[in-house]
mmCIF file of all heavy atoms, coordinates in Angstrom:
data_MODEL
# 
_entry.id   MODEL 
# 
loop_
_atom_site.group_PDB 
_atom_site.id 
_atom_site.type_symbol 
_atom_site.label_atom_id 
_atom_site.label_alt_id 
_atom_site.label_comp_id 
_atom_site.label_asym_id 
_atom_site.label_entity_id 
_atom_site.label_seq_id 
_atom_site.pdbx_PDB_ins_code 
_atom_site.Cartn_x 
_atom_site.Cartn_y 
_atom_site.Cartn_z 
_atom_site.occupancy 
_atom_site.B_iso_or_equiv 
_atom_site.pdbx_formal_charge 
_atom_site.auth_seq_id 
_atom_site.auth_comp_id 
_atom_site.auth_asym_id 
_atom_site.auth_atom_id 
_atom_site.pdbx_PDB_model_num 
ATOM 1   N N   . LYS A 1 1  ? -15.690 -75.296  -21.747 1.00 0.00 ? 1  LYS A N   1 
ATOM 2   C CA  . LYS A 1 1  ? -14.412 -74.814  -21.242 1.00 0.00 ? 1  LYS A CA  1 
ATOM 3   C C   . LYS A 1 1  ? -14.155 -73.403  -21.779 1.00 0.00 ? 1  LYS A C   1 
ATOM 4   O O   . LYS A 1 1  ? -14.460 -72.427  -21.130 1.00 0.00 ? 1  LYS A O   1 
ATOM 5   C CB  . LYS A 1 1  ? -13.295 -75.781  -21.641 1.00 0.00 ? 1  LYS A CB  1 
ATOM 6   C CG  . LYS A 1 1  ? -13.429 -77.152  -20.969 1.00 0.00 ? 1  LYS A CG  1 
ATOM 7   C CD  . LYS A 1 1  ? -12.317 -78.098  -21.402 1.00 0.00 ? 1  LYS A CD  1 
ATOM 8   C CE  . LYS A 1 1  ? -12.501 -79.463  -20.727 1.00 0.00 ? 1  LYS A CE  1 
ATOM 9   N NZ  . LYS A 1 1  ? -11.458 -80.427  -21.175 1.00 0.00 ? 1  LYS A NZ  1 
ATOM 10  N N   . PHE A 1 2  ? -13.600 -73.311  -22.982 1.00 0.00 ? 2  PHE A N   1 
ATOM 11  C CA  . PHE A 1 2  ? -13.378 -72.008  -23.598 1.00 0.00 ? 2  PHE A CA  1 
ATOM 12  C C   . PHE A 1 2  ? -14.697 -71.399  -24.068 1.00 0.00 ? 2  PHE A C   1 
ATOM 13  O O   . PHE A 1 2  ? -14.892 -70.194  -24.007 1.00 0.00 ? 2  PHE A O   1 
ATOM 14  C CB  . PHE A 1 2  ? -12.408 -72.146  -24.777 1.00 0.00 ? 2  PHE A CB  1 
ATOM 15  C CG  . PHE A 1 2  ? -11.973 -70.833  -25.361 1.00 0.00 ? 2  PHE A CG  1 
ATOM 16  C CD1 . PHE A 1 2  ? -11.119 -69.997  -24.670 1.00 0.00 ? 2  PHE A CD1 1 
ATOM 17  C CD2 . PHE A 1 2  ? -12.415 -70.436  -26.612 1.00 0.00 ? 2  PHE A CD2 1 
ATOM 18  C CE1 . PHE A 1 2  ? -10.725 -68.776  -25.212 1.00 0.00 ? 2  PHE A CE1 1 
ATOM 19  C CE2 . PHE A 1 2  ? -12.032 -69.228  -27.162 1.00 0.00 ? 2  PHE A CE2 1 
ATOM 20  C CZ  . PHE A 1 2  ? -11.179 -68.400  -26.460 1.00 0.00 ? 2  PHE A CZ  1 
ATOM 21  N N   . TYR A 1 3  ? -15.623 -72.253  -24.512 1.00 0.00 ? 3  TYR A N   1 
ATOM 22  C CA  . TYR A 1 3  ? -16.962 -71.831  -24.900 1.00 0.00 ? 3  TYR A CA  1 
ATOM 23  C C   . TYR A 1 3  ? -17.955 -72.202  -23.809 1.00 0.00 ? 3  TYR A C   1 
ATOM 24  O O   . TYR A 1 3  ? -17.645 -72.999  -22.918 1.00 0.00 ? 3  TYR A O   1 
ATOM 25  C CB  . TYR A 1 3  ? -17.358 -72.449  -26.242 1.00 0.00 ? 3  TYR A CB  1 
ATOM 26  C CG  . TYR A 1 3  ? -16.631 -71.815  -27.408 1.00 0.00 ? 3  TYR A CG  1 
ATOM 27  C CD1 . TYR A 1 3  ? -15.382 -72.296  -27.814 1.00 0.00 ? 3  TYR A CD1 1 
ATOM 28  C CD2 . TYR A 1 3  ? -17.156 -70.731  -28.070 1.00 0.00 ? 3  TYR A CD2 1 
ATOM 29  C CE1 . TYR A 1 3  ? -14.692 -71.703  -28.858 1.00 0.00 ? 3  TYR A CE1 1 
ATOM 30  C CE2 . TYR A 1 3  ? -16.475 -70.132  -29.119 1.00 0.00 ? 3  TYR A CE2 1 
ATOM 31  C CZ  . TYR A 1 3  ? -15.246 -70.611  -29.502 1.00 0.00 ? 3  TYR A CZ  1 
ATOM 32  O OH  . TYR A 1 3  ? -14.562 -70.016  -30.528 1.00 0.00 ? 3  TYR A OH  1 
ATOM 33  N N   . THR A 1 4  ? -19.148 -71.631  -23.880 1.00 0.00 ? 4  THR A N   1 
ATOM 34  C CA  . THR A 1 4  ? -20.165 -71.860  -22.857 1.00 0.00 ? 4  THR A CA  1 
ATOM 35  C C   . THR A 1 4  ? -21.435 -72.401  -23.503 1.00 0.00 ? 4  THR A C   1 
ATOM 36  O O   . THR A 1 4  ? -21.950 -71.819  -24.464 1.00 0.00 ? 4  THR A O   1 
ATOM 37  C CB  . THR A 1 4  ? -20.481 -70.560  -22.099 1.00 0.00 ? 4  THR A CB  1 
ATOM 38  O OG1 . THR A 1 4  ? -19.271 -70.013  -21.547 1.00 0.00 ? 4  THR A OG1 1 
ATOM 39  C CG2 . THR A 1 4  ? -21.463 -70.825  -20.967 1.00 0.00 ? 4  THR A CG2 1 
ATOM 40  N N   . PHE A 1 5  ? -21.937 -73.503  -22.938 1.00 0.00 ? 5  PHE A N   1 
ATOM 41  C CA  . PHE A 1 5  ? -23.119 -74.157  -23.483 1.00 0.00 ? 5  PHE A CA  1 
ATOM 42  C C   . PHE A 1 5  ? -24.169 -74.354  -22.385 1.00 0.00 ? 5  PHE A C   1 
ATOM 43  O O   . PHE A 1 5  ? -23.850 -74.414  -21.203 1.00 0.00 ? 5  PHE A O   1 
ATOM 44  C CB  . PHE A 1 5  ? -22.750 -75.517  -24.087 1.00 0.00 ? 5  PHE A CB  1 
ATOM 45  C CG  . PHE A 1 5  ? -21.745 -75.426  -25.198 1.00 0.00 ? 5  PHE A CG  1 
ATOM 46  C CD1 . PHE A 1 5  ? -20.385 -75.559  -24.946 1.00 0.00 ? 5  PHE A CD1 1 
ATOM 47  C CD2 . PHE A 1 5  ? -22.157 -75.188  -26.491 1.00 0.00 ? 5  PHE A CD2 1 
ATOM 48  C CE1 . PHE A 1 5  ? -19.455 -75.463  -25.965 1.00 0.00 ? 5  PHE A CE1 1 
ATOM 49  C CE2 . PHE A 1 5  ? -21.232 -75.087  -27.528 1.00 0.00 ? 5  PHE A CE2 1 
ATOM 50  C CZ  . PHE A 1 5  ? -19.877 -75.228  -27.255 1.00 0.00 ? 5  PHE A CZ  1 
ATOM 51  N N   . ARG A 1 6  ? -25.404 -74.458  -22.814 1.00 0.00 ? 6  ARG A N   1 
ATOM 52  C CA  . ARG A 1 6  ? -26.481 -74.735  -21.877 1.00 0.00 ? 6  ARG A CA  1 
ATOM 53  C C   . ARG A 1 6  ? -26.202 -76.035  -21.132 1.00 0.00 ? 6  ARG A C   1 
ATOM 54  O O   . ARG A 1 6  ? -25.621 -76.966  -21.690 1.00 0.00 ? 6  ARG A O   1 
ATOM 55  C CB  . ARG A 1 6  ? -27.820 -74.837  -22.605 1.00 0.00 ? 6  ARG A CB  1 
ATOM 56  C CG  . ARG A 1 6  ? -28.283 -73.512  -23.230 1.00 0.00 ? 6  ARG A CG  1 
ATOM 57  C CD  . ARG A 1 6  ? -29.557 -73.739  -24.028 1.00 0.00 ? 6  ARG A CD  1 
ATOM 58  N NE  . ARG A 1 6  ? -29.991 -72.518  -24.701 1.00 0.00 ? 6  ARG A NE  1 
ATOM 59  C CZ  . ARG A 1 6  ? -30.982 -72.481  -25.574 1.00 0.00 ? 6  ARG A CZ  1 
ATOM 60  N NH1 . ARG A 1 6  ? -31.648 -73.602  -25.867 1.00 0.00 ? 6  ARG A NH1 1 
ATOM 61  N NH2 . ARG A 1 6  ? -31.314 -71.337  -26.158 1.00 0.00 ? 6  ARG A NH2 1 
ATOM 62  N N   . LYS A 1 7  ? -26.631 -76.087  -19.903 1.00 0.00 ? 7  LYS A N   1 
ATOM 63  C CA  . LYS A 1 7  ? -26.401 -77.261  -19.072 1.00 0.00 ? 7  LYS A CA  1 
ATOM 64  C C   . LYS A 1 7  ? -26.986 -78.509  -19.717 1.00 0.00 ? 7  LYS A C   1 
ATOM 65  O O   . LYS A 1 7  ? -28.133 -78.523  -20.165 1.00 0.00 ? 7  LYS A O   1 
ATOM 66  C CB  . LYS A 1 7  ? -27.024 -77.045  -17.689 1.00 0.00 ? 7  LYS A CB  1 
ATOM 67  C CG  . LYS A 1 7  ? -26.731 -78.145  -16.675 1.00 0.00 ? 7  LYS A CG  1 
ATOM 68  C CD  . LYS A 1 7  ? -25.243 -78.255  -16.417 1.00 0.00 ? 7  LYS A CD  1 
ATOM 69  C CE  . LYS A 1 7  ? -24.937 -79.430  -15.477 1.00 0.00 ? 7  LYS A CE  1 
ATOM 70  N NZ  . LYS A 1 7  ? -23.442 -79.615  -15.376 1.00 0.00 ? 7  LYS A NZ  1 
ATOM 71  N N   . ASN A 1 8  ? -26.171 -79.551  -19.780 1.00 0.00 ? 8  ASN A N   1 
ATOM 72  C CA  . ASN A 1 8  ? -26.531 -80.881  -20.309 1.00 0.00 ? 8  ASN A CA  1 
ATOM 73  C C   . ASN A 1 8  ? -26.633 -80.930  -21.829 1.00 0.00 ? 8  ASN A C   1 
ATOM 74  O O   . ASN A 1 8  ? -26.835 -82.009  -22.383 1.00 0.00 ? 8  ASN A O   1 
ATOM 75  C CB  . ASN A 1 8  ? -27.838 -81.405  -19.692 1.00 0.00 ? 8  ASN A CB  1 
ATOM 76  C CG  . ASN A 1 8  ? -27.724 -81.604  -18.187 1.00 0.00 ? 8  ASN A CG  1 
ATOM 77  O OD1 . ASN A 1 8  ? -26.690 -82.019  -17.682 1.00 0.00 ? 8  ASN A OD1 1 
ATOM 78  N ND2 . ASN A 1 8  ? -28.799 -81.303  -17.463 1.00 0.00 ? 8  ASN A ND2 1 
ATOM 79  N N   . ASP A 1 9  ? -26.470 -79.808  -22.522 1.00 0.00 ? 9  ASP A N   1 
ATOM 80  C CA  . ASP A 1 9  ? -26.528 -79.806  -23.983 1.00 0.00 ? 9  ASP A CA  1 
ATOM 81  C C   . ASP A 1 9  ? -25.426 -80.671  -24.592 1.00 0.00 ? 9  ASP A C   1 
ATOM 82  O O   . ASP A 1 9  ? -25.660 -81.413  -25.543 1.00 0.00 ? 9  ASP A O   1 
ATOM 83  C CB  . ASP A 1 9  ? -26.414 -78.381  -24.522 1.00 0.00 ? 9  ASP A CB  1 
ATOM 84  C CG  . ASP A 1 9  ? -27.716 -77.902  -25.142 1.00 0.00 ? 9  ASP A CG  1 
ATOM 85  O OD1 . ASP A 1 9  ? -28.770 -78.414  -24.725 1.00 0.00 ? 9  ASP A OD1 1 
ATOM 86  O OD2 . ASP A 1 9  ? -27.707 -77.049  -26.029 1.00 0.00 ? 9  ASP A OD2 1 
ATOM 87  N N   . LEU A 1 10 ? -24.218 -80.574  -24.050 1.00 0.00 ? 10 LEU A N   1 
ATOM 88  C CA  . LEU A 1 10 ? -23.090 -81.326  -24.587 1.00 0.00 ? 10 LEU A CA  1 
ATOM 89  C C   . LEU A 1 10 ? -23.291 -82.830  -24.404 1.00 0.00 ? 10 LEU A C   1 
ATOM 90  O O   . LEU A 1 10 ? -22.982 -83.618  -25.303 1.00 0.00 ? 10 LEU A O   1 
ATOM 91  C CB  . LEU A 1 10 ? -21.785 -80.880  -23.926 1.00 0.00 ? 10 LEU A CB  1 
ATOM 92  C CG  . LEU A 1 10 ? -21.304 -79.457  -24.236 1.00 0.00 ? 10 LEU A CG  1 
ATOM 93  C CD1 . LEU A 1 10 ? -20.004 -79.163  -23.517 1.00 0.00 ? 10 LEU A CD1 1 
ATOM 94  C CD2 . LEU A 1 10 ? -21.137 -79.241  -25.735 1.00 0.00 ? 10 LEU A CD2 1 
ATOM 95  N N   . ASP A 1 11 ? -23.809 -83.220  -23.247 1.00 0.00 ? 11 ASP A N   1 
ATOM 96  C CA  . ASP A 1 11 ? -24.044 -84.641  -22.984 1.00 0.00 ? 11 ASP A CA  1 
ATOM 97  C C   . ASP A 1 11 ? -25.105 -85.204  -23.919 1.00 0.00 ? 11 ASP A C   1 
ATOM 98  O O   . ASP A 1 11 ? -24.943 -86.294  -24.486 1.00 0.00 ? 11 ASP A O   1 
ATOM 99  C CB  . ASP A 1 11 ? -24.478 -84.863  -21.534 1.00 0.00 ? 11 ASP A CB  1 
ATOM 100 C CG  . ASP A 1 11 ? -23.315 -84.710  -20.558 1.00 0.00 ? 11 ASP A CG  1 
ATOM 101 O OD1 . ASP A 1 11 ? -22.153 -84.812  -20.997 1.00 0.00 ? 11 ASP A OD1 1 
ATOM 102 O OD2 . ASP A 1 11 ? -23.570 -84.489  -19.360 1.00 0.00 ? 11 ASP A OD2 1 
ATOM 103 N N   . LYS A 1 12 ? -26.200 -84.483  -24.092 1.00 0.00 ? 12 LYS A N   1 
ATOM 104 C CA  . LYS A 1 12 ? -27.275 -84.935  -24.974 1.00 0.00 ? 12 LYS A CA  1 
ATOM 105 C C   . LYS A 1 12 ? -26.785 -85.049  -26.407 1.00 0.00 ? 12 LYS A C   1 
ATOM 106 O O   . LYS A 1 12 ? -27.081 -86.019  -27.110 1.00 0.00 ? 12 LYS A O   1 
ATOM 107 C CB  . LYS A 1 12 ? -28.460 -83.977  -24.893 1.00 0.00 ? 12 LYS A CB  1 
ATOM 108 C CG  . LYS A 1 12 ? -29.216 -84.020  -23.568 1.00 0.00 ? 12 LYS A CG  1 
ATOM 109 C CD  . LYS A 1 12 ? -30.343 -83.000  -23.556 1.00 0.00 ? 12 LYS A CD  1 
ATOM 110 C CE  . LYS A 1 12 ? -31.055 -83.006  -22.196 1.00 0.00 ? 12 LYS A CE  1 
ATOM 111 N NZ  . LYS A 1 12 ? -32.119 -81.957  -22.150 1.00 0.00 ? 12 LYS A NZ  1 
ATOM 112 N N   . SER A 1 13 ? -26.023 -84.036  -26.846 1.00 0.00 ? 13 SER A N   1 
ATOM 113 C CA  . SER A 1 13 ? -25.496 -84.043  -28.199 1.00 0.00 ? 13 SER A CA  1 
ATOM 114 C C   . SER A 1 13 ? -24.539 -85.205  -28.408 1.00 0.00 ? 13 SER A C   1 
ATOM 115 O O   . SER A 1 13 ? -24.585 -85.886  -29.435 1.00 0.00 ? 13 SER A O   1 
ATOM 116 C CB  . SER A 1 13 ? -24.782 -82.726  -28.498 1.00 0.00 ? 13 SER A CB  1 
ATOM 117 O OG  . SER A 1 13 ? -24.149 -82.749  -29.767 1.00 0.00 ? 13 SER A OG  1 
ATOM 118 N N   . TYR A 1 14 ? -23.678 -85.447  -27.415 1.00 0.00 ? 14 TYR A N   1 
ATOM 119 C CA  . TYR A 1 14 ? -22.712 -86.527  -27.540 1.00 0.00 ? 14 TYR A CA  1 
ATOM 120 C C   . TYR A 1 14 ? -23.401 -87.889  -27.624 1.00 0.00 ? 14 TYR A C   1 
ATOM 121 O O   . TYR A 1 14 ? -23.007 -88.750  -28.414 1.00 0.00 ? 14 TYR A O   1 
ATOM 122 C CB  . TYR A 1 14 ? -21.733 -86.518  -26.371 1.00 0.00 ? 14 TYR A CB  1 
ATOM 123 C CG  . TYR A 1 14 ? -20.822 -87.718  -26.384 1.00 0.00 ? 14 TYR A CG  1 
ATOM 124 C CD1 . TYR A 1 14 ? -19.818 -87.834  -27.331 1.00 0.00 ? 14 TYR A CD1 1 
ATOM 125 C CD2 . TYR A 1 14 ? -20.994 -88.757  -25.479 1.00 0.00 ? 14 TYR A CD2 1 
ATOM 126 C CE1 . TYR A 1 14 ? -18.998 -88.946  -27.379 1.00 0.00 ? 14 TYR A CE1 1 
ATOM 127 C CE2 . TYR A 1 14 ? -20.180 -89.864  -25.517 1.00 0.00 ? 14 TYR A CE2 1 
ATOM 128 C CZ  . TYR A 1 14 ? -19.186 -89.958  -26.469 1.00 0.00 ? 14 TYR A CZ  1 
ATOM 129 O OH  . TYR A 1 14 ? -18.385 -91.067  -26.524 1.00 0.00 ? 14 TYR A OH  1 
ATOM 130 N N   . ASN A 1 15 ? -24.417 -88.104  -26.826 1.00 0.00 ? 15 ASN A N   1 
ATOM 131 C CA  . ASN A 1 15 ? -25.146 -89.374  -26.845 1.00 0.00 ? 15 ASN A CA  1 
ATOM 132 C C   . ASN A 1 15 ? -25.754 -89.655  -28.220 1.00 0.00 ? 15 ASN A C   1 
ATOM 133 O O   . ASN A 1 15 ? -25.820 -90.800  -28.662 1.00 0.00 ? 15 ASN A O   1 
ATOM 134 C CB  . ASN A 1 15 ? -26.237 -89.382  -25.780 1.00 0.00 ? 15 ASN A CB  1 
ATOM 135 C CG  . ASN A 1 15 ? -25.661 -89.420  -24.372 1.00 0.00 ? 15 ASN A CG  1 
ATOM 136 O OD1 . ASN A 1 15 ? -24.553 -89.894  -24.147 1.00 0.00 ? 15 ASN A OD1 1 
ATOM 137 N ND2 . ASN A 1 15 ? -26.414 -88.909  -23.404 1.00 0.00 ? 15 ASN A ND2 1 
ATOM 138 N N   . GLU A 1 16 ? -26.183 -88.592  -28.899 1.00 0.00 ? 16 GLU A N   1 
ATOM 139 C CA  . GLU A 1 16 ? -26.742 -88.734  -30.241 1.00 0.00 ? 16 GLU A CA  1 
ATOM 140 C C   . GLU A 1 16 ? -25.653 -88.897  -31.289 1.00 0.00 ? 16 GLU A C   1 
ATOM 141 O O   . GLU A 1 16 ? -25.840 -89.562  -32.308 1.00 0.00 ? 16 GLU A O   1 
ATOM 142 C CB  . GLU A 1 16 ? -27.600 -87.508  -30.580 1.00 0.00 ? 16 GLU A CB  1 
ATOM 143 C CG  . GLU A 1 16 ? -28.829 -87.343  -29.701 1.00 0.00 ? 16 GLU A CG  1 
ATOM 144 C CD  . GLU A 1 16 ? -29.559 -86.038  -29.974 1.00 0.00 ? 16 GLU A CD  1 
ATOM 145 O OE1 . GLU A 1 16 ? -29.072 -85.261  -30.825 1.00 0.00 ? 16 GLU A OE1 1 
ATOM 146 O OE2 . GLU A 1 16 ? -30.590 -85.781  -29.323 1.00 0.00 ? 16 GLU A OE2 1 
ATOM 147 N N   . LEU A 1 17 ? -24.496 -88.315  -31.052 1.00 0.00 ? 17 LEU A N   1 
ATOM 148 C CA  . LEU A 1 17 ? -23.432 -88.231  -32.041 1.00 0.00 ? 17 LEU A CA  1 
ATOM 149 C C   . LEU A 1 17 ? -22.463 -89.404  -32.005 1.00 0.00 ? 17 LEU A C   1 
ATOM 150 O O   . LEU A 1 17 ? -21.864 -89.756  -33.021 1.00 0.00 ? 17 LEU A O   1 
ATOM 151 C CB  . LEU A 1 17 ? -22.658 -86.930  -31.802 1.00 0.00 ? 17 LEU A CB  1 
ATOM 152 C CG  . LEU A 1 17 ? -21.706 -86.413  -32.876 1.00 0.00 ? 17 LEU A CG  1 
ATOM 153 C CD1 . LEU A 1 17 ? -22.476 -86.020  -34.107 1.00 0.00 ? 17 LEU A CD1 1 
ATOM 154 C CD2 . LEU A 1 17 ? -20.916 -85.209  -32.328 1.00 0.00 ? 17 LEU A CD2 1 
ATOM 155 N N   . ASN A 1 18 ? -22.327 -90.027  -30.866 1.00 0.00 ? 18 ASN A N   1 
ATOM 156 C CA  . ASN A 1 18 ? -21.255 -90.994  -30.645 1.00 0.00 ? 18 ASN A CA  1 
ATOM 157 C C   . ASN A 1 18 ? -21.208 -92.113  -31.682 1.00 0.00 ? 18 ASN A C   1 
ATOM 158 O O   . ASN A 1 18 ? -20.155 -92.447  -32.213 1.00 0.00 ? 18 ASN A O   1 
ATOM 159 C CB  . ASN A 1 18 ? -21.358 -91.591  -29.245 1.00 0.00 ? 18 ASN A CB  1 
ATOM 160 C CG  . ASN A 1 18 ? -20.182 -92.494  -28.915 1.00 0.00 ? 18 ASN A CG  1 
ATOM 161 O OD1 . ASN A 1 18 ? -19.032 -92.146  -29.127 1.00 0.00 ? 18 ASN A OD1 1 
ATOM 162 N ND2 . ASN A 1 18 ? -20.474 -93.659  -28.394 1.00 0.00 ? 18 ASN A ND2 1 
ATOM 163 N N   . LYS A 1 19 ? -22.347 -92.718  -31.995 1.00 0.00 ? 19 LYS A N   1 
ATOM 164 C CA  . LYS A 1 19 ? -22.349 -93.849  -32.926 1.00 0.00 ? 19 LYS A CA  1 
ATOM 165 C C   . LYS A 1 19 ? -21.859 -93.440  -34.313 1.00 0.00 ? 19 LYS A C   1 
ATOM 166 O O   . LYS A 1 19 ? -21.161 -94.213  -34.984 1.00 0.00 ? 19 LYS A O   1 
ATOM 167 C CB  . LYS A 1 19 ? -23.730 -94.467  -33.010 1.00 0.00 ? 19 LYS A CB  1 
ATOM 168 C CG  . LYS A 1 19 ? -24.821 -93.600  -33.597 1.00 0.00 ? 19 LYS A CG  1 
ATOM 169 C CD  . LYS A 1 19 ? -26.133 -94.361  -33.678 1.00 0.00 ? 19 LYS A CD  1 
ATOM 170 C CE  . LYS A 1 19 ? -27.239 -93.499  -34.291 1.00 0.00 ? 19 LYS A CE  1 
ATOM 171 N NZ  . LYS A 1 19 ? -28.516 -94.245  -34.420 1.00 0.00 ? 19 LYS A NZ  1 
ATOM 172 N N   . TYR A 1 20 ? -22.210 -92.220  -34.746 1.00 0.00 ? 20 TYR A N   1 
ATOM 173 C CA  . TYR A 1 20 ? -21.740 -91.737  -36.045 1.00 0.00 ? 20 TYR A CA  1 
ATOM 174 C C   . TYR A 1 20 ? -20.249 -91.446  -36.002 1.00 0.00 ? 20 TYR A C   1 
ATOM 175 O O   . TYR A 1 20 ? -19.511 -91.728  -36.947 1.00 0.00 ? 20 TYR A O   1 
ATOM 176 C CB  . TYR A 1 20 ? -22.505 -90.488  -36.455 1.00 0.00 ? 20 TYR A CB  1 
ATOM 177 C CG  . TYR A 1 20 ? -23.988 -90.682  -36.543 1.00 0.00 ? 20 TYR A CG  1 
ATOM 178 C CD1 . TYR A 1 20 ? -24.851 -89.942  -35.748 1.00 0.00 ? 20 TYR A CD1 1 
ATOM 179 C CD2 . TYR A 1 20 ? -24.539 -91.599  -37.424 1.00 0.00 ? 20 TYR A CD2 1 
ATOM 180 C CE1 . TYR A 1 20 ? -26.217 -90.116  -35.824 1.00 0.00 ? 20 TYR A CE1 1 
ATOM 181 C CE2 . TYR A 1 20 ? -25.913 -91.790  -37.507 1.00 0.00 ? 20 TYR A CE2 1 
ATOM 182 C CZ  . TYR A 1 20 ? -26.741 -91.042  -36.703 1.00 0.00 ? 20 TYR A CZ  1 
ATOM 183 O OH  . TYR A 1 20 ? -28.099 -91.218  -36.785 1.00 0.00 ? 20 TYR A OH  1 
ATOM 184 N N   . PHE A 1 21 ? -19.808 -90.847  -34.907 1.00 0.00 ? 21 PHE A N   1 
ATOM 185 C CA  . PHE A 1 21 ? -18.396 -90.534  -34.724 1.00 0.00 ? 21 PHE A CA  1 
ATOM 186 C C   . PHE A 1 21 ? -17.560 -91.805  -34.805 1.00 0.00 ? 21 PHE A C   1 
ATOM 187 O O   . PHE A 1 21 ? -16.552 -91.870  -35.516 1.00 0.00 ? 21 PHE A O   1 
ATOM 188 C CB  . PHE A 1 21 ? -18.214 -89.833  -33.376 1.00 0.00 ? 21 PHE A CB  1 
ATOM 189 C CG  . PHE A 1 21 ? -16.946 -89.042  -33.252 1.00 0.00 ? 21 PHE A CG  1 
ATOM 190 C CD1 . PHE A 1 21 ? -16.863 -87.749  -33.720 1.00 0.00 ? 21 PHE A CD1 1 
ATOM 191 C CD2 . PHE A 1 21 ? -15.821 -89.587  -32.656 1.00 0.00 ? 21 PHE A CD2 1 
ATOM 192 C CE1 . PHE A 1 21 ? -15.695 -87.012  -33.600 1.00 0.00 ? 21 PHE A CE1 1 
ATOM 193 C CE2 . PHE A 1 21 ? -14.652 -88.859  -32.530 1.00 0.00 ? 21 PHE A CE2 1 
ATOM 194 C CZ  . PHE A 1 21 ? -14.589 -87.561  -33.003 1.00 0.00 ? 21 PHE A CZ  1 
ATOM 195 N N   . VAL A 1 22 ? -17.978 -92.842  -34.097 1.00 0.00 ? 22 VAL A N   1 
ATOM 196 C CA  . VAL A 1 22 ? -17.271 -94.116  -34.081 1.00 0.00 ? 22 VAL A CA  1 
ATOM 197 C C   . VAL A 1 22 ? -17.283 -94.768  -35.463 1.00 0.00 ? 22 VAL A C   1 
ATOM 198 O O   . VAL A 1 22 ? -16.282 -95.319  -35.924 1.00 0.00 ? 22 VAL A O   1 
ATOM 199 C CB  . VAL A 1 22 ? -17.876 -95.065  -33.029 1.00 0.00 ? 22 VAL A CB  1 
ATOM 200 C CG1 . VAL A 1 22 ? -17.281 -96.468  -33.149 1.00 0.00 ? 22 VAL A CG1 1 
ATOM 201 C CG2 . VAL A 1 22 ? -17.643 -94.523  -31.630 1.00 0.00 ? 22 VAL A CG2 1 
ATOM 202 N N   . GLU A 1 23 ? -18.433 -94.720  -36.129 1.00 0.00 ? 23 GLU A N   1 
ATOM 203 C CA  . GLU A 1 23 ? -18.553 -95.314  -37.459 1.00 0.00 ? 23 GLU A CA  1 
ATOM 204 C C   . GLU A 1 23 ? -17.554 -94.690  -38.435 1.00 0.00 ? 23 GLU A C   1 
ATOM 205 O O   . GLU A 1 23 ? -16.895 -95.386  -39.209 1.00 0.00 ? 23 GLU A O   1 
ATOM 206 C CB  . GLU A 1 23 ? -19.981 -95.127  -37.972 1.00 0.00 ? 23 GLU A CB  1 
ATOM 207 C CG  . GLU A 1 23 ? -20.215 -95.721  -39.364 1.00 0.00 ? 23 GLU A CG  1 
ATOM 208 C CD  . GLU A 1 23 ? -21.633 -95.488  -39.842 1.00 0.00 ? 23 GLU A CD  1 
ATOM 209 O OE1 . GLU A 1 23 ? -22.551 -95.486  -39.018 1.00 0.00 ? 23 GLU A OE1 1 
ATOM 210 O OE2 . GLU A 1 23 ? -21.813 -95.294  -41.051 1.00 0.00 ? 23 GLU A OE2 1 
ATOM 211 N N   . ILE A 1 24 ? -17.434 -93.379  -38.381 1.00 0.00 ? 24 ILE A N   1 
ATOM 212 C CA  . ILE A 1 24 ? -16.519 -92.680  -39.280 1.00 0.00 ? 24 ILE A CA  1 
ATOM 213 C C   . ILE A 1 24 ? -15.068 -93.010  -38.934 1.00 0.00 ? 24 ILE A C   1 
ATOM 214 O O   . ILE A 1 24 ? -14.230 -93.220  -39.816 1.00 0.00 ? 24 ILE A O   1 
ATOM 215 C CB  . ILE A 1 24 ? -16.764 -91.163  -39.239 1.00 0.00 ? 24 ILE A CB  1 
ATOM 216 C CG1 . ILE A 1 24 ? -18.175 -90.846  -39.724 1.00 0.00 ? 24 ILE A CG1 1 
ATOM 217 C CG2 . ILE A 1 24 ? -15.746 -90.427  -40.116 1.00 0.00 ? 24 ILE A CG2 1 
ATOM 218 C CD1 . ILE A 1 24 ? -18.619 -89.427  -39.439 1.00 0.00 ? 24 ILE A CD1 1 
ATOM 219 N N   . LEU A 1 25 ? -14.756 -93.077  -37.642 1.00 0.00 ? 25 LEU A N   1 
ATOM 220 C CA  . LEU A 1 25 ? -13.406 -93.449  -37.221 1.00 0.00 ? 25 LEU A CA  1 
ATOM 221 C C   . LEU A 1 25 ? -13.023 -94.826  -37.756 1.00 0.00 ? 25 LEU A C   1 
ATOM 222 O O   . LEU A 1 25 ? -11.952 -95.020  -38.326 1.00 0.00 ? 25 LEU A O   1 
ATOM 223 C CB  . LEU A 1 25 ? -13.302 -93.445  -35.692 1.00 0.00 ? 25 LEU A CB  1 
ATOM 224 C CG  . LEU A 1 25 ? -13.363 -92.099  -34.967 1.00 0.00 ? 25 LEU A CG  1 
ATOM 225 C CD1 . LEU A 1 25 ? -13.325 -92.317  -33.470 1.00 0.00 ? 25 LEU A CD1 1 
ATOM 226 C CD2 . LEU A 1 25 ? -12.232 -91.186  -35.388 1.00 0.00 ? 25 LEU A CD2 1 
ATOM 227 N N   . LYS A 1 26 ? -13.886 -95.795  -37.547 1.00 0.00 ? 26 LYS A N   1 
ATOM 228 C CA  . LYS A 1 26 ? -13.622 -97.149  -38.012 1.00 0.00 ? 26 LYS A CA  1 
ATOM 229 C C   . LYS A 1 26 ? -13.430 -97.193  -39.525 1.00 0.00 ? 26 LYS A C   1 
ATOM 230 O O   . LYS A 1 26 ? -12.526 -97.864  -40.037 1.00 0.00 ? 26 LYS A O   1 
ATOM 231 C CB  . LYS A 1 26 ? -14.765 -98.083  -37.625 1.00 0.00 ? 26 LYS A CB  1 
ATOM 232 C CG  . LYS A 1 26 ? -14.867 -98.400  -36.157 1.00 0.00 ? 26 LYS A CG  1 
ATOM 233 C CD  . LYS A 1 26 ? -16.032 -99.343  -35.919 1.00 0.00 ? 26 LYS A CD  1 
ATOM 234 C CE  . LYS A 1 26 ? -16.205 -99.668  -34.457 1.00 0.00 ? 26 LYS A CE  1 
ATOM 235 N NZ  . LYS A 1 26 ? -17.362 -100.593 -34.241 1.00 0.00 ? 26 LYS A NZ  1 
ATOM 236 N N   . SER A 1 27 ? -14.290 -96.501  -40.237 1.00 0.00 ? 27 SER A N   1 
ATOM 237 C CA  . SER A 1 27 ? -14.300 -96.573  -41.688 1.00 0.00 ? 27 SER A CA  1 
ATOM 238 C C   . SER A 1 27 ? -13.099 -95.907  -42.327 1.00 0.00 ? 27 SER A C   1 
ATOM 239 O O   . SER A 1 27 ? -12.720 -96.251  -43.435 1.00 0.00 ? 27 SER A O   1 
ATOM 240 C CB  . SER A 1 27 ? -15.579 -95.942  -42.237 1.00 0.00 ? 27 SER A CB  1 
ATOM 241 O OG  . SER A 1 27 ? -16.703 -96.615  -41.764 1.00 0.00 ? 27 SER A OG  1 
# 
């Protein structure tokens, strides 16, 4: 949006990051 990223980079990163993000939220 405000920043510009390579196509599909955000999706790939999110797929790798999501489980850690959720774990930290829960904890």
